């Protein structure tokens, strides 16, 4: 009698190395450039590593707070008002120091043009909402 060949069983691989979803990070060069702009003196590598960790935690906390403000308002999109509320709670925006003044003091001209509405000829406001 003819015997049927049995297929060999291959042991299943265990999924031991599942990758965690990687969160986007700010480029190190950007953090370094911003920090050096404000410090204006040499910074050791150890100090820069701590600055990098602190900035990562700060932006994580800010993004969580902004998400909570938008969710509380029943929206899925973060708006400028949410950012202004957060900056008021942090003490950065006050009655004497409005958000527009901070934008003018700390951001370059190309960002100011985007963020602060300006009236131009022809009765138009740029940027339009």
Protein backbone atom coordinates (compact mmCIF):
# COMPACT_ATOMS: atom_id res chain seq x y z
CA UNK A 1 0.00 0.00 0.00
CA UNK A 2 1.12 3.52 -0.79
CA UNK A 3 1.64 5.84 2.16
CA UNK A 4 0.77 9.51 1.86
CA UNK A 5 3.51 11.94 2.66
CA UNK A 6 2.79 14.14 5.63
CA UNK A 7 3.84 17.81 5.41
CA UNK A 8 6.42 18.88 7.92
CA UNK A 9 5.21 21.32 10.51
CA UNK A 10 7.24 24.44 10.91
CA UNK A 11 7.32 25.89 14.41
CA UNK A 12 5.70 29.31 14.63
CA UNK A 13 7.90 32.21 15.50
CA UNK A 14 7.21 33.95 18.72
CA UNK A 15 6.59 37.66 18.39
CA UNK A 16 9.13 38.73 20.92
CA UNK A 17 10.21 41.99 19.35
CA UNK A 18 7.06 43.95 18.65
CA UNK A 19 7.93 47.52 17.84
CA UNK A 20 6.22 50.25 19.73
CA UNK A 21 4.74 52.99 17.59
CA UNK A 22 7.42 55.65 17.32
CA UNK A 23 6.37 59.15 18.30
CA UNK A 24 7.64 61.94 16.09
CA UNK A 25 10.45 63.92 17.67
CA UNK A 26 11.75 67.39 17.13
CA UNK A 27 15.06 67.34 15.30
CA UNK A 28 18.05 67.66 17.63
CA UNK A 29 19.51 70.33 15.40
CA UNK A 30 16.43 72.53 15.83
CA UNK A 31 16.50 72.23 19.62
CA UNK A 32 20.22 72.93 19.62
CA UNK A 33 19.83 75.97 17.35
CA UNK A 34 17.02 77.47 19.45
CA UNK A 35 18.84 76.84 22.72
CA UNK A 36 22.10 78.31 21.44
CA UNK A 37 20.24 81.37 20.18
CA UNK A 38 19.01 82.16 23.68
CA UNK A 39 22.07 81.01 25.66
CA UNK A 40 24.73 82.65 23.47
CA UNK A 41 27.57 80.67 25.01
CA UNK A 42 29.04 77.16 24.65
CA UNK A 43 27.01 74.27 26.06
CA UNK A 44 28.43 70.89 27.09
CA UNK A 45 27.00 67.70 25.61
CA UNK A 46 25.68 66.54 28.98
CA UNK A 47 23.84 69.81 29.49
CA UNK A 48 22.42 69.65 25.98
CA UNK A 49 21.11 66.11 26.60
CA UNK A 50 19.23 67.38 29.64
CA UNK A 51 17.86 70.32 27.64
CA UNK A 52 16.72 67.87 24.96
CA UNK A 53 14.89 65.69 27.52
CA UNK A 54 13.27 68.71 29.14
CA UNK A 55 12.08 70.13 25.83
CA UNK A 56 10.67 66.73 24.85
CA UNK A 57 8.73 66.51 28.12
CA UNK A 58 7.58 70.12 27.82
CA UNK A 59 6.19 69.68 24.31
CA UNK A 60 4.54 66.39 25.28
CA UNK A 61 2.81 68.13 28.20
CA UNK A 62 1.79 71.12 26.04
CA UNK A 63 0.33 68.85 23.36
CA UNK A 64 -1.59 66.82 25.96
CA UNK A 65 -3.01 70.03 27.48
CA UNK A 66 -4.03 71.42 24.10
CA UNK A 67 -5.69 68.12 23.23
CA UNK A 68 -7.60 68.21 26.52
CA UNK A 69 -8.78 71.80 25.91
CA UNK A 70 -10.04 70.95 22.41
CA UNK A 71 -11.75 67.77 23.64
CA UNK A 72 -13.38 69.70 26.49
CA UNK A 73 -14.78 72.19 23.95
CA UNK A 74 -16.20 69.27 21.93
CA UNK A 75 -13.79 69.67 19.03
CA UNK A 76 -11.28 67.40 17.35
CA UNK A 77 -9.08 70.28 16.22
CA UNK A 78 -6.84 72.48 18.34
CA UNK A 79 -7.44 76.17 17.68
CA UNK A 80 -5.57 79.39 18.46
CA UNK A 81 -7.93 80.07 21.38
CA UNK A 82 -6.79 76.82 23.03
CA UNK A 83 -3.17 77.88 22.73
CA UNK A 84 -3.94 81.31 24.14
CA UNK A 85 -5.75 79.77 27.14
CA UNK A 86 -2.77 77.49 27.78
CA UNK A 87 -0.34 80.41 27.58
CA UNK A 88 -2.52 82.44 29.96
CA UNK A 89 -2.48 79.58 32.46
CA UNK A 90 1.32 79.42 32.17
CA UNK A 91 1.55 83.17 32.75
CA UNK A 92 3.07 83.94 29.35
CA UNK A 93 0.03 85.84 28.05
CA UNK A 94 -1.44 88.53 30.30
CA UNK A 95 -3.50 91.68 29.85
CA UNK A 96 -0.25 93.66 29.57
CA UNK A 97 1.43 91.10 27.27
CA UNK A 98 -1.02 89.82 24.62
CA UNK A 99 -0.30 86.92 22.29
CA UNK A 100 0.34 89.20 19.29
CA UNK A 101 3.16 90.98 21.15
CA UNK A 102 4.82 87.65 21.94
CA UNK A 103 4.53 86.66 18.27
CA UNK A 104 6.09 89.95 17.17
CA UNK A 105 8.92 89.70 19.71
CA UNK A 106 9.98 86.09 19.23
CA UNK A 107 8.99 84.85 15.76
CA UNK A 108 10.57 85.69 12.41
CA UNK A 109 8.73 87.90 9.92
CA UNK A 110 7.47 85.03 7.72
CA UNK A 111 5.66 83.46 10.70
CA UNK A 112 4.32 86.82 11.85
CA UNK A 113 2.74 87.32 8.44
CA UNK A 114 0.96 83.98 8.77
CA UNK A 115 -0.22 84.39 12.38
CA UNK A 116 -1.14 88.08 12.70
CA UNK A 117 -3.89 89.37 10.38
CA UNK A 118 -2.92 92.48 8.43
CA UNK A 119 -5.20 94.77 6.43
CA UNK A 120 -3.97 95.49 2.90
CA UNK A 121 -5.23 97.59 0.02
CA UNK A 122 -8.50 96.57 -1.56
CA UNK A 123 -10.11 96.11 1.85
CA UNK A 124 -8.63 92.61 2.25
CA UNK A 125 -7.27 90.97 5.39
CA UNK A 126 -4.30 88.62 5.10
CA UNK A 127 -4.35 85.77 6.14
CA UNK A 128 -8.02 85.18 5.46
CA UNK A 129 -9.87 82.97 7.91
